[in-house]
């Protein structure tokens, strides 16, 4: 499937969710709205949820990262870009897709990506016997930012884009360290360029 066909499918989803919740939209609806053939659709996507994964990952998230080595500033920049995309184009899609549950749903896809990213960044600070707890902390944080973003959309984007992005970034560090319950092991993270840094909070002061 060429890029033009994928763009047509994306636009069809964005148009359809303006008048019908994604949970009620079928592949047949998307094909009719986009003009794409059934064989073309299924040669590239397993199901409609797989299309949602593509829209989120390729059009919203992955394309927003400025590089592979993600410092705090990189992470913040990416969050700002993603928030801007959500507000300007993808808000209704994101909210409705997260509300769709079941096998291969978008929320589980995002959780898998986010947990893997944060776990790989943070595991260097902990021994293997702490990995289960770290995975829990990463998943707890991932659930938090996903549904905080949903609340932000529902509020009509009341909080400014940059301010909301900073809250996502700062809560990342706070939760991943607080939930591990080990301030001494968490201290190096204050200098780690790959994890968000809290600069003026009680947790920061407790570490010094």
C-alpha atoms as a PDB file:
ATOM      1  CA  UNK A   1       0.000   0.000   0.000  1.00  0.00           C
ATOM      2  CA  UNK A   2       1.426   3.353  -0.965  1.00  0.00           C
ATOM      3  CA  UNK A   3       1.522   6.405   1.237  1.00  0.00           C
ATOM      4  CA  UNK A   4      -1.424   7.945  -0.618  1.00  0.00           C
ATOM      5  CA  UNK A   5      -3.652   4.995   0.256  1.00  0.00           C
ATOM      6  CA  UNK A   6      -2.605   5.156   3.919  1.00  0.00           C
ATOM      7  CA  UNK A   7      -3.350   8.883   3.977  1.00  0.00           C
ATOM      8  CA  UNK A   8      -6.794   8.165   2.524  1.00  0.00           C
ATOM      9  CA  UNK A   9      -7.489   5.580   5.228  1.00  0.00           C
ATOM     10  CA  UNK A  10      -6.278   7.932   7.952  1.00  0.00           C
ATOM     11  CA  UNK A  11      -8.464  10.753   6.673  1.00  0.00           C
ATOM     12  CA  UNK A  12     -11.445   8.424   6.466  1.00  0.00           C
ATOM     13  CA  UNK A  13     -10.997   7.487  10.132  1.00  0.00           C
ATOM     14  CA  UNK A  14     -10.653  11.125  11.190  1.00  0.00           C
ATOM     15  CA  UNK A  15     -13.763  12.093   9.198  1.00  0.00           C
ATOM     16  CA  UNK A  16     -15.850   9.164  10.424  1.00  0.00           C
ATOM     17  CA  UNK A  17     -15.065   9.686  14.111  1.00  0.00           C
ATOM     18  CA  UNK A  18     -16.532  13.191  13.865  1.00  0.00           C
ATOM     19  CA  UNK A  19     -20.005  11.690  13.519  1.00  0.00           C
ATOM     20  CA  UNK A  20     -19.632   8.117  14.804  1.00  0.00           C
ATOM     21  CA  UNK A  21     -17.631   6.705  17.722  1.00  0.00           C
ATOM     22  CA  UNK A  22     -14.681   4.544  16.662  1.00  0.00           C
ATOM     23  CA  UNK A  23     -16.144   1.610  18.590  1.00  0.00           C
ATOM     24  CA  UNK A  24     -19.000   1.600  16.071  1.00  0.00           C
ATOM     25  CA  UNK A  25     -16.894   2.061  12.932  1.00  0.00           C
ATOM     26  CA  UNK A  26     -16.206  -1.019  10.819  1.00  0.00           C
ATOM     27  CA  UNK A  27     -13.685  -1.820   8.115  1.00  0.00           C
ATOM     28  CA  UNK A  28     -16.570  -1.624   5.635  1.00  0.00           C
ATOM     29  CA  UNK A  29     -17.278   1.950   6.776  1.00  0.00           C
ATOM     30  CA  UNK A  30     -13.633   2.875   6.299  1.00  0.00           C
ATOM     31  CA  UNK A  31     -13.397   1.295   2.858  1.00  0.00           C
ATOM     32  CA  UNK A  32     -16.537   3.095   1.705  1.00  0.00           C
ATOM     33  CA  UNK A  33     -15.300   6.445   3.042  1.00  0.00           C
ATOM     34  CA  UNK A  34     -11.761   6.075   1.674  1.00  0.00           C
ATOM     35  CA  UNK A  35     -12.354   4.318  -1.652  1.00  0.00           C
ATOM     36  CA  UNK A  36      -9.663   1.766  -0.760  1.00  0.00           C
ATOM     37  CA  UNK A  37     -10.296  -1.867  -1.716  1.00  0.00           C
ATOM     38  CA  UNK A  38     -10.709  -4.623   0.846  1.00  0.00           C
ATOM     39  CA  UNK A  39      -7.736  -6.584  -0.505  1.00  0.00           C
ATOM     40  CA  UNK A  40      -5.545  -3.481  -0.332  1.00  0.00           C
ATOM     41  CA  UNK A  41      -6.577  -2.854   3.278  1.00  0.00           C
ATOM     42  CA  UNK A  42      -5.921  -6.396   4.492  1.00  0.00           C
ATOM     43  CA  UNK A  43      -2.615  -6.692   2.692  1.00  0.00           C
ATOM     44  CA  UNK A  44      -1.290  -4.052   5.089  1.00  0.00           C
ATOM     45  CA  UNK A  45      -3.425  -4.126   8.242  1.00  0.00           C
ATOM     46  CA  UNK A  46      -4.610  -7.130  10.255  1.00  0.00           C
ATOM     47  CA  UNK A  47      -7.756  -5.332  11.389  1.00  0.00           C
ATOM     48  CA  UNK A  48      -9.097  -1.879  12.097  1.00  0.00           C
ATOM     49  CA  UNK A  49      -7.144  -1.672  15.373  1.00  0.00           C
ATOM     50  CA  UNK A  50      -3.947  -2.237  13.420  1.00  0.00           C
ATOM     51  CA  UNK A  51      -4.849   0.862  11.391  1.00  0.00           C
ATOM     52  CA  UNK A  52      -5.290   2.783  14.652  1.00  0.00           C
ATOM     53  CA  UNK A  53      -1.806   1.644  15.690  1.00  0.00           C
ATOM     54  CA  UNK A  54      -0.402   3.005  12.431  1.00  0.00           C
ATOM     55  CA  UNK A  55      -2.143   6.370  12.836  1.00  0.00           C
ATOM     56  CA  UNK A  56      -0.913   6.765  16.403  1.00  0.00           C
ATOM     57  CA  UNK A  57       2.610   5.429  15.988  1.00  0.00           C
ATOM     58  CA  UNK A  58       3.549   6.611  12.509  1.00  0.00           C
ATOM     59  CA  UNK A  59       1.553   9.820  12.285  1.00  0.00           C
ATOM     60  CA  UNK A  60       1.528  11.057  15.886  1.00  0.00           C
ATOM     61  CA  UNK A  61       4.196   9.526  18.109  1.00  0.00           C
ATOM     62  CA  UNK A  62       7.261   8.040  16.409  1.00  0.00           C
ATOM     63  CA  UNK A  63       7.523  10.794  13.815  1.00  0.00           C
ATOM     64  CA  UNK A  64       7.633  13.336  16.646  1.00  0.00           C
ATOM     65  CA  UNK A  65      10.862  12.082  18.252  1.00  0.00           C
ATOM     66  CA  UNK A  66      13.861  14.230  17.281  1.00  0.00           C
ATOM     67  CA  UNK A  67      16.350  11.366  17.773  1.00  0.00           C
ATOM     68  CA  UNK A  68      17.057   8.022  19.362  1.00  0.00           C
ATOM     69  CA  UNK A  69      19.000   9.361  22.388  1.00  0.00           C
ATOM     70  CA  UNK A  70      16.259  11.016  24.355  1.00  0.00           C
ATOM     71  CA  UNK A  71      17.418  13.537  26.915  1.00  0.00           C
ATOM     72  CA  UNK A  72      14.918  15.402  29.078  1.00  0.00           C
ATOM     73  CA  UNK A  73      14.827  18.215  26.510  1.00  0.00           C
ATOM     74  CA  UNK A  74      14.242  15.726  23.692  1.00  0.00           C
ATOM     75  CA  UNK A  75      11.463  14.077  25.682  1.00  0.00           C
ATOM     76  CA  UNK A  76       9.861  17.430  26.446  1.00  0.00           C
ATOM     77  CA  UNK A  77      10.124  18.560  22.812  1.00  0.00           C
ATOM     78  CA  UNK A  78       8.504  15.337  21.649  1.00  0.00           C
ATOM     79  CA  UNK A  79       5.679  15.728  24.176  1.00  0.00           C
ATOM     80  CA  UNK A  80       5.049  19.283  23.003  1.00  0.00           C
ATOM     81  CA  UNK A  81       4.931  18.176  19.354  1.00  0.00           C
ATOM     82  CA  UNK A  82       2.620  15.255  20.144  1.00  0.00           C
ATOM     83  CA  UNK A  83       0.323  17.462  22.247  1.00  0.00           C
ATOM     84  CA  UNK A  84       0.137  19.982  19.425  1.00  0.00           C
ATOM     85  CA  UNK A  85      -0.778  17.234  16.947  1.00  0.00           C
ATOM     86  CA  UNK A  86      -3.394  15.877  19.330  1.00  0.00           C
ATOM     87  CA  UNK A  87      -4.963  19.300  19.825  1.00  0.00           C
ATOM     88  CA  UNK A  88      -4.860  20.379  16.180  1.00  0.00           C
ATOM     89  CA  UNK A  89      -5.868  17.149  14.447  1.00  0.00           C
ATOM     90  CA  UNK A  90      -6.006  13.897  16.418  1.00  0.00           C
ATOM     91  CA  UNK A  91      -7.764  14.674  19.711  1.00  0.00           C
ATOM     92  CA  UNK A  92     -11.101  13.031  18.953  1.00  0.00           C
ATOM     93  CA  UNK A  93      -9.359  10.044  17.353  1.00  0.00           C
ATOM     94  CA  UNK A  94      -7.039   9.533  20.335  1.00  0.00           C
ATOM     95  CA  UNK A  95      -9.792   9.827  22.929  1.00  0.00           C
ATOM     96  CA  UNK A  96     -12.180   7.491  21.121  1.00  0.00           C
ATOM     97  CA  UNK A  97      -9.456   4.949  20.306  1.00  0.00           C
ATOM     98  CA  UNK A  98      -8.414   4.748  23.973  1.00  0.00           C
ATOM     99  CA  UNK A  99     -12.066   4.143  24.864  1.00  0.00           C
ATOM    100  CA  UNK A 100     -12.115   1.092  22.555  1.00  0.00           C
ATOM    101  CA  UNK A 101     -11.084  -1.992  24.516  1.00  0.00           C
ATOM    102  CA  UNK A 102     -10.418  -5.594  23.564  1.00  0.00           C
ATOM    103  CA  UNK A 103      -7.852  -7.614  21.678  1.00  0.00           C
ATOM    104  CA  UNK A 104      -5.213  -5.567  19.844  1.00  0.00           C
ATOM    105  CA  UNK A 105      -6.646  -2.270  21.156  1.00  0.00           C
ATOM    106  CA  UNK A 106      -4.682   0.965  20.902  1.00  0.00           C
ATOM    107  CA  UNK A 107      -4.289   1.411  24.669  1.00  0.00           C
ATOM    108  CA  UNK A 108      -2.471  -1.911  25.027  1.00  0.00           C
ATOM    109  CA  UNK A 109      -0.316  -1.070  22.003  1.00  0.00           C
ATOM    110  CA  UNK A 110       0.727   2.261  23.562  1.00  0.00           C
ATOM    111  CA  UNK A 111       1.303   0.626  26.948  1.00  0.00           C
ATOM    112  CA  UNK A 112       3.613  -1.958  25.379  1.00  0.00           C
ATOM    113  CA  UNK A 113       5.663   0.710  23.586  1.00  0.00           C
ATOM    114  CA  UNK A 114       5.857   3.047  26.591  1.00  0.00           C
ATOM    115  CA  UNK A 115       6.685   0.367  29.165  1.00  0.00           C
ATOM    116  CA  UNK A 116       9.425  -1.111  26.973  1.00  0.00           C
ATOM    117  CA  UNK A 117      10.975   2.333  26.452  1.00  0.00           C
ATOM    118  CA  UNK A 118      10.960   3.364  30.110  1.00  0.00           C
ATOM    119  CA  UNK A 119      11.998  -0.051  31.420  1.00  0.00           C
ATOM    120  CA  UNK A 120      15.035  -0.158  29.123  1.00  0.00           C
ATOM    121  CA  UNK A 121      16.033   3.326  30.237  1.00  0.00           C
ATOM    122  CA  UNK A 122      15.612   2.687  33.981  1.00  0.00           C
ATOM    123  CA  UNK A 123      16.691  -0.927  34.479  1.00  0.00           C
ATOM    124  CA  UNK A 124      20.382   0.029  34.556  1.00  0.00           C
ATOM    125  CA  UNK A 125      19.781   1.448  38.045  1.00  0.00           C
ATOM    126  CA  UNK A 126      18.316  -1.721  39.563  1.00  0.00           C
ATOM    127  CA  UNK A 127      19.231  -5.358  40.062  1.00  0.00           C
ATOM    128  CA  UNK A 128      17.242  -8.081  38.316  1.00  0.00           C
ATOM    129  CA  UNK A 129      15.309  -8.947  41.459  1.00  0.00           C
ATOM    130  CA  UNK A 130      13.728  -5.449  41.236  1.00  0.00           C
ATOM    131  CA  UNK A 131      12.697  -5.766  37.585  1.00  0.00           C
ATOM    132  CA  UNK A 132       9.144  -6.923  38.317  1.00  0.00           C
ATOM    133  CA  UNK A 133       8.584  -3.908  40.539  1.00  0.00           C
ATOM    134  CA  UNK A 134      10.140  -1.631  37.927  1.00  0.00           C
ATOM    135  CA  UNK A 135       7.854  -3.031  35.229  1.00  0.00           C
ATOM    136  CA  UNK A 136       4.890  -2.287  37.483  1.00  0.00           C
ATOM    137  CA  UNK A 137       6.124   1.280  37.991  1.00  0.00           C
ATOM    138  CA  UNK A 138       6.573   1.779  34.245  1.00  0.00           C
ATOM    139  CA  UNK A 139       3.112   0.425  33.506  1.00  0.00           C
ATOM    140  CA  UNK A 140       1.575   2.549  36.280  1.00  0.00           C
ATOM    141  CA  UNK A 141       3.154   5.661  34.771  1.00  0.00           C
ATOM    142  CA  UNK A 142       2.055   4.705  31.244  1.00  0.00           C
ATOM    143  CA  UNK A 143      -1.557   4.317  32.349  1.00  0.00           C
ATOM    144  CA  UNK A 144      -1.276   7.680  34.075  1.00  0.00           C
ATOM    145  CA  UNK A 145      -0.084   9.730  31.098  1.00  0.00           C
ATOM    146  CA  UNK A 146      -2.472   8.017  28.671  1.00  0.00           C
ATOM    147  CA  UNK A 147      -5.531   8.833  30.735  1.00  0.00           C
ATOM    148  CA  UNK A 148      -4.214  12.250  31.764  1.00  0.00           C
ATOM    149  CA  UNK A 149      -4.048  13.063  28.066  1.00  0.00           C
ATOM    150  CA  UNK A 150      -7.636  11.862  27.680  1.00  0.00           C
ATOM    151  CA  UNK A 151      -8.678  14.156  30.550  1.00  0.00           C
ATOM    152  CA  UNK A 152      -6.794  17.010  28.888  1.00  0.00           C
ATOM    153  CA  UNK A 153      -8.719  16.443  25.646  1.00  0.00           C
ATOM    154  CA  UNK A 154     -12.043  16.226  27.506  1.00  0.00           C
ATOM    155  CA  UNK A 155     -11.252  19.523  29.266  1.00  0.00           C
ATOM    156  CA  UNK A 156     -11.067  21.258  25.902  1.00  0.00           C
ATOM    157  CA  UNK A 157      -7.263  21.552  26.206  1.00  0.00           C
ATOM    158  CA  UNK A 158      -7.643  23.856  29.180  1.00  0.00           C
ATOM    159  CA  UNK A 159      -3.978  23.585  30.149  1.00  0.00           C
ATOM    160  CA  UNK A 160      -1.509  25.095  27.626  1.00  0.00           C
ATOM    161  CA  UNK A 161       0.326  22.581  25.434  1.00  0.00           C
ATOM    162  CA  UNK A 162       3.803  23.227  26.868  1.00  0.00           C
ATOM    163  CA  UNK A 163       2.654  23.221  30.481  1.00  0.00           C
ATOM    164  CA  UNK A 164       0.856  19.907  30.020  1.00  0.00           C
ATOM    165  CA  UNK A 165       3.939  18.431  28.305  1.00  0.00           C
ATOM    166  CA  UNK A 166       6.104  19.489  31.261  1.00  0.00           C
ATOM    167  CA  UNK A 167       3.732  17.780  33.681  1.00  0.00           C
ATOM    168  CA  UNK A 168       3.975  14.538  31.671  1.00  0.00           C
ATOM    169  CA  UNK A 169       7.781  14.723  31.642  1.00  0.00           C
ATOM    170  CA  UNK A 170       8.183  15.606  35.317  1.00  0.00           C
ATOM    171  CA  UNK A 171       5.711  12.984  36.517  1.00  0.00           C
ATOM    172  CA  UNK A 172       7.718  10.389  34.575  1.00  0.00           C
ATOM    173  CA  UNK A 173      10.715  10.783  36.867  1.00  0.00           C
ATOM    174  CA  UNK A 174       8.679  11.203  40.037  1.00  0.00           C
ATOM    175  CA  UNK A 175       6.616   8.052  39.530  1.00  0.00           C
ATOM    176  CA  UNK A 176       9.402   5.793  38.309  1.00  0.00           C
ATOM    177  CA  UNK A 177      11.506   6.612  41.355  1.00  0.00           C
ATOM    178  CA  UNK A 178       8.816   6.998  43.995  1.00  0.00           C
ATOM    179  CA  UNK A 179       7.212   3.674  43.132  1.00  0.00           C
ATOM    180  CA  UNK A 180      10.564   1.914  43.381  1.00  0.00           C
ATOM    181  CA  UNK A 181      10.792   3.157  46.983  1.00  0.00           C
ATOM    182  CA  UNK A 182      14.582   3.457  46.956  1.00  0.00           C
ATOM    183  CA  UNK A 183      15.813   7.034  47.174  1.00  0.00           C
ATOM    184  CA  UNK A 184      19.485   6.049  47.270  1.00  0.00           C
ATOM    185  CA  UNK A 185      19.246   4.043  44.058  1.00  0.00           C
ATOM    186  CA  UNK A 186      17.180   6.834  42.512  1.00  0.00           C
ATOM    187  CA  UNK A 187      19.757   9.555  43.140  1.00  0.00           C
ATOM    188  CA  UNK A 188      21.753   8.894  39.923  1.00  0.00           C
ATOM    189  CA  UNK A 189      18.604   9.484  37.915  1.00  0.00           C
ATOM    190  CA  UNK A 190      18.740  13.139  38.828  1.00  0.00           C
ATOM    191  CA  UNK A 191      21.778  13.395  36.570  1.00  0.00           C
ATOM    192  CA  UNK A 192      20.636  10.814  33.986  1.00  0.00           C
ATOM    193  CA  UNK A 193      19.961  12.590  30.665  1.00  0.00           C
ATOM    194  CA  UNK A 194      17.504   9.881  29.633  1.00  0.00           C
ATOM    195  CA  UNK A 195      15.006  10.375  32.455  1.00  0.00           C
ATOM    196  CA  UNK A 196      12.898  13.378  33.339  1.00  0.00           C
ATOM    197  CA  UNK A 197      14.305  15.541  36.144  1.00  0.00           C
ATOM    198  CA  UNK A 198      12.373  17.155  38.966  1.00  0.00           C
ATOM    199  CA  UNK A 199      14.176  20.394  39.784  1.00  0.00           C
ATOM    200  CA  UNK A 200      11.985  22.027  42.438  1.00  0.00           C
ATOM    201  CA  UNK A 201       9.928  19.452  44.318  1.00  0.00           C
ATOM    202  CA  UNK A 202      10.011  17.765  47.711  1.00  0.00           C
ATOM    203  CA  UNK A 203      11.242  14.533  46.151  1.00  0.00           C
ATOM    204  CA  UNK A 204      14.213  16.392  44.668  1.00  0.00           C
ATOM    205  CA  UNK A 205      15.029  17.969  48.030  1.00  0.00           C
ATOM    206  CA  UNK A 206      14.786  14.598  49.778  1.00  0.00           C
ATOM    207  CA  UNK A 207      17.567  13.288  47.527  1.00  0.00           C
ATOM    208  CA  UNK A 208      20.049  15.964  48.578  1.00  0.00           C
END
